[in-house]
Amino acid sequence: MIRDTWRAILVLVVGGLLMEASGLRQQPPAPAPAPQWGYQHQPAVYPVYANPEPDRPLRRIGAAFVELGDSMIGAIRR
């Protein structure tokens, strides 16, 4: 029974050390900045729109055929 107790204590100690080393413990939140009184100029923020990549079905089909051909060549060589 004493050996099991020591094992349990060692498991807790090692687990705590591993959590500390891996950074799994939550860090305390950073203090909020103090509010500033008076007028503050906020620059205008414009949304940024990303242009989606055009769909290229022929390129996907071609890539699939090239991959299939490479696989078949690899299977024939073996």
Protein backbone atom coordinates (compact mmCIF):
# COMPACT_ATOMS: atom_id res chain seq x y z
CA MET A 1 0.00 0.00 0.00
CA ILE A 2 2.86 2.36 0.77
CA ARG A 3 4.42 1.61 -2.61
CA ASP A 4 1.14 2.44 -4.39
CA THR A 5 0.93 5.72 -2.49
CA TRP A 6 4.47 6.67 -3.55
CA ARG A 7 3.67 5.73 -7.14
CA ALA A 8 0.58 7.95 -7.09
CA ILE A 9 2.59 10.85 -5.66
CA LEU A 10 5.31 10.40 -8.29
CA VAL A 11 2.72 10.28 -11.07
CA LEU A 12 1.21 13.55 -9.84
CA VAL A 13 4.63 15.21 -9.58
CA VAL A 14 5.74 14.07 -13.04
CA GLY A 15 2.38 15.08 -14.55
CA GLY A 16 2.65 18.52 -12.98
CA LEU A 17 6.20 18.95 -14.26
CA LEU A 18 5.17 17.90 -17.77
CA MET A 19 2.23 20.31 -17.77
CA GLU A 20 4.50 23.12 -16.63
CA ALA A 21 7.11 22.31 -19.27
CA SER A 22 4.62 22.00 -22.13
CA GLY A 23 2.80 25.20 -21.28
CA LEU A 24 -0.61 23.61 -20.81
CA ARG A 25 -1.33 25.77 -17.81
CA GLN A 26 -3.32 28.85 -18.58
CA GLN A 27 -1.45 32.09 -18.37
CA PRO A 28 -3.05 34.84 -16.31
CA PRO A 29 -4.80 37.42 -18.47
CA ALA A 30 -2.87 40.56 -19.25
CA PRO A 31 -4.09 43.64 -17.43
CA ALA A 32 -6.39 45.85 -19.47
CA PRO A 33 -4.97 49.22 -20.50
CA ALA A 34 -6.24 52.19 -18.54
CA PRO A 35 -8.99 54.14 -20.30
CA GLN A 36 -7.87 57.39 -21.85
CA TRP A 37 -10.16 60.38 -21.63
CA GLY A 38 -10.61 62.89 -24.36
CA TYR A 39 -10.92 62.76 -28.12
CA GLN A 40 -8.97 60.09 -29.93
CA HIS A 41 -8.78 60.05 -33.68
CA GLN A 42 -9.50 56.60 -35.07
CA PRO A 43 -8.20 56.04 -38.59
CA ALA A 44 -10.72 54.70 -41.06
CA VAL A 45 -10.50 50.94 -41.50
CA TYR A 46 -11.61 49.64 -44.86
CA PRO A 47 -12.47 45.97 -45.32
CA VAL A 48 -10.05 43.93 -47.38
CA TYR A 49 -11.65 41.56 -49.85
CA ALA A 50 -9.64 38.62 -51.14
CA ASN A 51 -10.29 37.58 -54.70
CA PRO A 52 -11.15 33.88 -54.73
CA GLU A 53 -8.99 31.67 -56.90
CA PRO A 54 -10.87 30.77 -60.09
CA ASP A 55 -12.04 27.20 -60.34
CA ARG A 56 -9.85 25.24 -62.76
CA PRO A 57 -11.46 21.86 -63.38
CA LEU A 58 -9.17 20.96 -66.31
CA ARG A 59 -6.10 21.51 -64.15
CA ARG A 60 -7.56 19.27 -61.41
CA ILE A 61 -8.38 16.53 -63.94
CA GLY A 62 -4.91 16.82 -65.48
CA ALA A 63 -3.25 16.60 -62.08
CA ALA A 64 -5.33 13.51 -61.25
CA PHE A 65 -4.27 11.82 -64.51
CA VAL A 66 -0.60 12.64 -63.91
CA GLU A 67 -0.84 11.21 -60.39
CA LEU A 68 -2.55 8.08 -61.73
CA GLY A 69 0.15 7.68 -64.39
CA ASP A 70 2.91 8.06 -61.80
CA SER A 71 1.25 5.45 -59.62
CA MET A 72 0.91 3.02 -62.53
CA ILE A 73 4.57 3.51 -63.53
CA GLY A 74 5.60 2.92 -59.93
CA ALA A 75 3.51 -0.27 -59.80
CA ILE A 76 4.97 -1.57 -63.07
CA ARG A 77 8.56 -0.92 -62.00
CA ARG A 78 8.13 -2.95 -58.81
